[in-house]
Amino acid sequence: MTIKQRNYKSPEDFELIGDFLLRHYQPNNRDGNWLQPTWEYMHSHPFLDESALGKIGIWDDSGEIVAVAHYESRLGEVFFETHTDYAHLKPAMLEYGEKHLYGISDDKQRYVRAYINDFDKDFEILVQSRGYQRWADGDRPMSQFIIPDPFPEISLPSGFRLKSLQDDNNLSKIHRVLWRGFGHEGEPPEDELEGRRKMQSGPNFRKDLNIVVEGPDGYFVAYCGTWYDQVNRIAYVEPVATDPDYRRLGLGKAAVLEGIRRCGEEGATVAFVGSNLKFYLALGFQQVFNSRCWKKILPP
């Protein structure tokens, strides 16, 4: 056993870490690691601070990746992906996160938000012993949906229809529904269209699995991105948004179910979403674990 720690190198480590996540996935995501589509979505998101990617820490054993400590979009958040036989590396991974992945708050304090799965009691005891405090607002629950066969019929109100981006990949319409669906008022700024294009840059992004609901006026009014991991036969739902002017009509529900249905046709048996909102629970998702957020202000 020859364990070495090194830093992330782009682009080669993007695929190597993705393969690591695929290999070590366990049913019901009981491994607790990120799903490979989550890792891919991170890299295609316009909010990602790409300048800090080189600070991601990788541990390998004889050339094989066995652990990764990384952020998601901005420094300050630390996630831990591990091979089940290498849990003993977690103290070193936490220390690495404090030294290299810390964020700086508006009041110039260094901080770390460490995400620990609620079933990893030993790791939670460790972070508490190092002065971390629970910050429930930052929690990242994971929920699962068993894909039925046959899949129930999906219905929409009159005047609305389901489409995929393979049918109509209008970036302006996509930008508008995501802008409004995530709480921004008015019409979206046109200079952010390139970010929407980036969201389609992942190697496993599929236009036919990204579903929209088109309204009577021709605008997209609901959106569901769906990813399919054919190795483990799982679907991953991200992102989901509904224009606030069209909520409570079942449009978001229809988009999510259609994306999952299409993944089921490809062979997926289960779908995951990083949320436990009532919206998803009402669709039939059930929480399988919670990645709990622990926050620490680091000394100057």
Protein backbone atom coordinates (compact mmCIF):
# COMPACT_ATOMS: atom_id res chain seq x y z
CA MET A 1 0.00 0.00 0.00
CA THR A 2 1.57 3.23 -1.19
CA ILE A 3 -0.82 6.13 -0.60
CA LYS A 4 0.08 9.48 -2.08
CA GLN A 5 -1.72 12.79 -1.97
CA ARG A 6 -1.73 15.04 -5.02
CA ASN A 7 -3.68 17.93 -6.44
CA TYR A 8 -6.33 17.86 -9.15
CA LYS A 9 -5.17 18.28 -12.73
CA SER A 10 -7.66 19.29 -15.39
CA PRO A 11 -8.90 17.78 -17.62
CA GLU A 12 -7.54 14.29 -17.00
CA ASP A 13 -8.68 14.01 -13.38
CA PHE A 14 -12.23 14.99 -14.26
CA GLU A 15 -12.75 11.64 -15.95
CA LEU A 16 -10.67 9.65 -13.44
CA ILE A 17 -12.73 10.91 -10.50
CA GLY A 18 -15.94 10.30 -12.44
CA ASP A 19 -14.84 6.70 -13.02
CA PHE A 20 -13.99 6.37 -9.32
CA LEU A 21 -17.52 7.46 -8.38
CA LEU A 22 -19.04 5.03 -10.89
CA ARG A 23 -17.02 2.08 -9.58
CA HIS A 24 -17.76 2.65 -5.92
CA TYR A 25 -21.47 3.42 -6.14
CA GLN A 26 -23.54 1.11 -3.95
CA PRO A 27 -27.33 0.55 -4.24
CA ASN A 28 -29.40 3.23 -2.50
CA ASN A 29 -26.25 5.41 -2.64
CA ARG A 30 -25.28 3.85 0.69
CA ASP A 31 -21.62 4.50 -0.18
CA GLY A 32 -22.48 8.15 0.56
CA ASN A 33 -20.29 9.47 -2.25
CA TRP A 34 -21.44 11.88 -4.91
CA LEU A 35 -23.06 10.33 -7.94
CA GLN A 36 -21.03 10.67 -11.13
CA PRO A 37 -23.70 12.91 -12.73
CA THR A 38 -23.42 15.27 -9.73
CA TRP A 39 -19.68 15.56 -10.35
CA GLU A 40 -20.29 16.21 -14.04
CA TYR A 41 -23.02 18.77 -13.38
CA MET A 42 -20.65 20.62 -11.03
CA HIS A 43 -18.14 21.10 -13.84
CA SER A 44 -20.71 22.36 -16.33
CA HIS A 45 -22.36 24.83 -13.95
CA PRO A 46 -21.74 28.51 -14.71
CA PHE A 47 -21.22 29.27 -11.00
CA LEU A 48 -18.17 26.98 -10.71
CA ASP A 49 -14.96 28.76 -9.70
CA GLU A 50 -12.69 26.99 -12.16
CA SER A 51 -9.65 28.94 -10.95
CA ALA A 52 -9.62 26.86 -7.73
CA LEU A 53 -9.89 23.39 -9.28
CA GLY A 54 -6.20 22.77 -8.73
CA LYS A 55 -6.80 22.93 -4.96
CA ILE A 56 -8.94 19.76 -5.01
CA GLY A 57 -7.10 17.02 -3.13
CA ILE A 58 -6.74 13.47 -4.45
CA TRP A 59 -5.37 10.44 -2.63
CA ASP A 60 -4.28 7.44 -4.66
CA ASP A 61 -2.91 4.03 -3.81
CA SER A 62 -0.45 2.64 -6.33
CA GLY A 63 -1.93 4.94 -8.97
CA GLU A 64 -5.61 4.24 -8.22
CA ILE A 65 -7.78 7.01 -6.77
CA VAL A 66 -9.11 6.07 -3.33
CA ALA A 67 -10.30 9.44 -1.93
CA VAL A 68 -11.10 13.00 -3.02
CA ALA A 69 -11.66 16.21 -1.01
CA HIS A 70 -13.30 18.94 -3.09
CA TYR A 71 -15.65 21.90 -3.19
CA GLU A 72 -18.74 22.26 -5.38
CA SER A 73 -18.92 25.79 -6.74
CA ARG A 74 -16.90 28.01 -4.38
CA LEU A 75 -14.11 27.48 -1.88
CA GLY A 76 -15.31 27.09 1.69
CA GLU A 77 -17.45 23.99 1.13
CA VAL A 78 -15.72 20.62 1.46
CA PHE A 79 -17.07 17.26 0.31
CA PHE A 80 -15.40 13.91 0.94
CA GLU A 81 -15.49 10.97 -1.49
CA THR A 82 -13.86 7.76 -0.27
CA HIS A 83 -13.29 4.14 -1.16
CA THR A 84 -14.89 2.09 1.65
CA ASP A 85 -11.52 0.53 2.54
CA TYR A 86 -9.88 3.94 3.04
CA ALA A 87 -12.07 5.60 5.66
CA HIS A 88 -8.93 6.02 7.78
CA LEU A 89 -7.94 8.86 5.42
CA LYS A 90 -10.79 11.11 6.56
CA PRO A 91 -8.85 12.92 9.31
CA ALA A 92 -6.15 13.79 6.77
CA MET A 93 -8.82 14.84 4.26
CA LEU A 94 -10.44 17.15 6.81
CA GLU A 95 -7.09 18.70 7.64
CA TYR A 96 -6.42 19.15 3.93
CA GLY A 97 -9.78 20.89 3.53
CA GLU A 98 -8.96 23.32 6.33
CA LYS A 99 -5.58 24.15 4.83
CA HIS A 100 -6.47 24.36 1.15
CA LEU A 101 -10.25 24.53 0.54
CA TYR A 102 -11.29 27.19 3.07
CA GLY A 103 -13.40 30.17 2.06
CA ILE A 104 -13.19 33.79 3.16
CA SER A 105 -16.35 35.47 4.43
CA ASP A 106 -17.41 39.06 3.80
CA ASP A 107 -15.94 39.99 7.17
CA LYS A 108 -12.59 38.43 6.17
CA GLN A 109 -12.88 35.32 8.33
CA ARG A 110 -11.63 32.00 7.03
CA TYR A 111 -14.21 29.23 7.29
CA VAL A 112 -14.97 25.66 6.24
CA ARG A 113 -18.34 24.02 5.73
CA ALA A 114 -17.74 20.28 5.88
CA TYR A 115 -20.44 17.93 4.57
CA ILE A 116 -20.68 14.70 6.56
CA ASN A 117 -23.23 11.96 5.89
CA ASP A 118 -25.55 11.43 8.86
CA PHE A 119 -24.69 7.71 9.05
CA ASP A 120 -20.94 8.46 9.36
CA LYS A 121 -20.98 8.88 13.13
CA ASP A 122 -17.21 8.55 13.58
CA PHE A 123 -16.58 11.39 11.14
CA GLU A 124 -19.19 13.56 12.87
CA ILE A 125 -17.48 12.94 16.21
CA LEU A 126 -14.18 13.94 14.62
CA VAL A 127 -15.43 17.26 13.25
CA GLN A 128 -17.08 18.10 16.57
CA SER A 129 -13.80 17.43 18.36
CA ARG A 130 -12.16 19.91 16.01
CA GLY A 131 -14.60 22.69 16.84
CA TYR A 132 -17.21 22.35 14.10
CA GLN A 133 -20.82 23.37 14.74
CA ARG A 134 -23.95 22.12 12.99
CA TRP A 135 -25.40 24.43 10.35
CA ALA A 136 -28.65 22.77 9.34
CA ASP A 137 -29.46 25.38 6.69
CA GLY A 138 -26.60 23.99 4.63
CA ASP A 139 -27.69 20.33 4.75
CA ARG A 140 -27.75 18.31 1.52
CA PRO A 141 -30.31 15.48 1.77
CA MET A 142 -30.38 12.73 -0.84
CA SER A 143 -33.70 11.17 -1.88
CA GLN A 144 -34.52 8.18 -4.05
CA PHE A 145 -37.38 7.25 -6.36
CA ILE A 146 -37.96 3.64 -7.41
CA ILE A 147 -38.92 3.76 -11.09
CA PRO A 148 -42.19 1.85 -11.65
CA ASP A 149 -42.77 -0.50 -14.55
CA PRO A 150 -45.09 0.17 -16.24
CA PHE A 151 -44.71 3.91 -15.78
CA PRO A 152 -47.97 5.76 -15.01
CA GLU A 153 -49.42 8.15 -17.55
CA ILE A 154 -48.22 11.75 -17.30
CA SER A 155 -50.87 14.42 -17.77
CA LEU A 156 -50.76 18.17 -18.42
CA PRO A 157 -53.40 20.91 -18.42
CA SER A 158 -54.82 21.90 -21.79
CA GLY A 159 -52.55 24.22 -23.76
CA PHE A 160 -49.27 22.88 -22.34
CA ARG A 161 -46.99 20.24 -23.84
CA LEU A 162 -43.89 18.30 -22.93
CA LYS A 163 -40.81 18.66 -25.11
CA SER A 164 -37.12 17.88 -24.80
CA LEU A 165 -34.17 20.05 -25.74
CA GLN A 166 -33.68 17.69 -28.63
CA ASP A 167 -36.97 19.06 -29.96
CA ASP A 168 -36.26 22.72 -29.15
CA ASN A 169 -32.94 23.85 -27.69
CA ASN A 170 -33.74 27.56 -27.51
CA LEU A 171 -31.19 28.97 -25.05
CA SER A 172 -33.17 32.15 -24.48
CA LYS A 173 -36.25 30.17 -23.43
CA ILE A 174 -34.13 27.90 -21.22
CA HIS A 175 -32.46 30.91 -19.62
CA ARG A 176 -35.80 32.55 -18.95
CA VAL A 177 -37.43 29.59 -17.18
CA LEU A 178 -34.34 28.90 -15.06
CA TRP A 179 -33.89 32.59 -14.24
CA ARG A 180 -37.50 33.02 -13.16
CA GLY A 181 -37.80 29.56 -11.64
CA PHE A 182 -34.91 30.22 -9.27
CA GLY A 183 -36.42 33.35 -7.83
CA HIS A 184 -35.26 36.19 -10.08
CA GLU A 185 -37.86 38.74 -11.08
CA GLY A 186 -38.44 40.15 -14.54
CA GLU A 187 -36.72 39.14 -17.73
CA PRO A 188 -33.24 37.59 -17.59
CA PRO A 189 -30.06 39.39 -18.73
CA GLU A 190 -29.10 38.30 -22.22
CA ASP A 191 -25.38 38.37 -21.44
CA GLU A 192 -25.72 35.16 -19.39
CA LEU A 193 -26.69 32.94 -22.32
CA GLU A 194 -23.16 31.59 -22.55
CA GLY A 195 -23.59 30.12 -19.07
CA ARG A 196 -26.64 28.19 -20.27
CA ARG A 197 -24.58 26.89 -23.16
CA LYS A 198 -21.92 25.73 -20.70
CA MET A 199 -24.56 23.75 -18.82
CA GLN A 200 -24.86 21.55 -21.89
CA SER A 201 -21.11 20.92 -22.20
CA GLY A 202 -20.84 17.80 -20.04
CA PRO A 203 -19.79 14.66 -21.93
CA ASN A 204 -22.92 12.81 -20.75
CA PHE A 205 -25.37 15.68 -21.16
CA ARG A 206 -28.26 14.54 -23.34
CA LYS A 207 -30.74 16.94 -24.87
CA ASP A 208 -33.37 14.21 -25.10
CA LEU A 209 -33.27 13.75 -21.30
CA ASN A 210 -33.66 17.46 -20.52
CA ILE A 211 -37.37 18.12 -20.43
CA VAL A 212 -39.34 21.35 -20.70
CA VAL A 213 -43.00 22.23 -20.53
CA GLU A 214 -44.00 24.72 -23.20
CA GLY A 215 -46.84 27.06 -22.36
CA PRO A 216 -49.60 28.41 -24.63
CA ASP A 217 -47.53 31.52 -25.36
CA GLY A 218 -44.54 29.46 -26.57
CA TYR A 219 -42.35 30.14 -23.53
CA PHE A 220 -40.82 27.32 -21.50
CA VAL A 221 -42.54 27.38 -18.11
CA ALA A 222 -41.01 24.32 -16.40
CA TYR A 223 -37.66 22.57 -16.76
CA CYS A 224 -36.14 19.30 -15.56
CA GLY A 225 -32.60 18.23 -16.29
CA THR A 226 -32.09 14.48 -16.10
CA TRP A 227 -28.85 12.51 -16.27
CA TYR A 228 -28.51 8.79 -16.89
CA ASP A 229 -25.71 6.63 -15.48
CA GLN A 230 -25.87 3.50 -17.60
CA VAL A 231 -23.17 1.73 -15.58
CA ASN A 232 -25.24 1.68 -12.39
CA ARG A 233 -28.63 2.13 -14.11
CA ILE A 234 -29.56 5.25 -12.17
CA ALA A 235 -31.11 8.58 -13.09
CA TYR A 236 -30.17 11.88 -11.49
CA VAL A 237 -32.48 14.89 -11.45
CA GLU A 238 -30.84 18.35 -11.68
CA PRO A 239 -31.83 21.16 -12.13
CA VAL A 240 -35.60 21.61 -11.73
CA ALA A 241 -37.43 24.94 -12.04
CA THR A 242 -40.94 26.24 -12.71
CA ASP A 243 -41.86 29.80 -13.65
CA PRO A 244 -43.65 31.23 -10.57
CA ASP A 245 -46.53 32.39 -12.77
CA TYR A 246 -47.27 28.75 -13.63
CA ARG A 247 -46.84 26.92 -10.34
CA ARG A 248 -49.39 24.56 -8.76
CA LEU A 249 -50.49 23.30 -12.17
CA GLY A 250 -48.51 20.06 -12.08
CA LEU A 251 -46.04 21.27 -14.72
CA GLY A 252 -42.86 20.71 -12.73
CA LYS A 253 -44.16 17.31 -11.69
CA ALA A 254 -44.81 16.37 -15.32
CA ALA A 255 -41.32 17.48 -16.41
CA VAL A 256 -39.59 15.51 -13.64
CA LEU A 257 -41.62 12.37 -14.26
CA GLU A 258 -41.05 12.54 -18.01
CA GLY A 259 -37.27 12.80 -17.51
CA ILE A 260 -37.32 9.84 -15.12
CA ARG A 261 -39.61 7.87 -17.45
CA ARG A 262 -37.16 8.30 -20.32
CA CYS A 263 -34.26 7.15 -18.14
CA GLY A 264 -36.36 4.14 -17.15
CA GLU A 265 -36.78 3.27 -20.82
CA GLU A 266 -32.98 3.30 -21.10
CA GLY A 267 -32.66 0.84 -18.21
CA ALA A 268 -32.62 2.99 -15.06
CA THR A 269 -34.27 1.37 -12.06
CA VAL A 270 -33.96 4.25 -9.60
CA ALA A 271 -33.71 8.05 -9.68
CA PHE A 272 -31.98 10.34 -7.19
CA VAL A 273 -32.35 14.01 -6.33
CA GLY A 274 -30.31 16.07 -3.88
CA SER A 275 -33.34 17.33 -1.97
CA ASN A 276 -36.09 16.36 0.45
CA LEU A 277 -38.52 19.12 -0.50
CA LYS A 278 -42.20 18.23 -0.19
CA PHE A 279 -42.45 18.58 -3.97
CA TYR A 280 -40.23 15.53 -4.47
CA LEU A 281 -41.66 13.52 -1.58
CA ALA A 282 -45.13 13.99 -3.08
CA LEU A 283 -43.82 12.46 -6.32
CA GLY A 284 -42.73 9.33 -4.47
CA PHE A 285 -39.12 10.15 -3.56
CA GLN A 286 -37.94 8.98 -0.15
CA GLN A 287 -34.94 10.39 1.70
CA VAL A 288 -32.13 7.85 2.04
CA PHE A 289 -29.63 9.97 3.99
CA ASN A 290 -28.65 13.53 4.77
CA SER A 291 -25.25 15.06 4.07
CA ARG A 292 -25.14 17.32 7.11
CA CYS A 293 -23.29 20.61 7.11
CA TRP A 294 -20.76 21.38 9.85
CA LYS A 295 -19.24 24.86 9.96
CA LYS A 296 -16.02 26.10 11.54
CA ILE A 297 -14.40 29.52 11.69
CA LEU A 298 -10.68 28.98 11.31
CA PRO A 299 -8.12 30.89 13.38
CA PRO A 300 -6.41 33.84 11.68
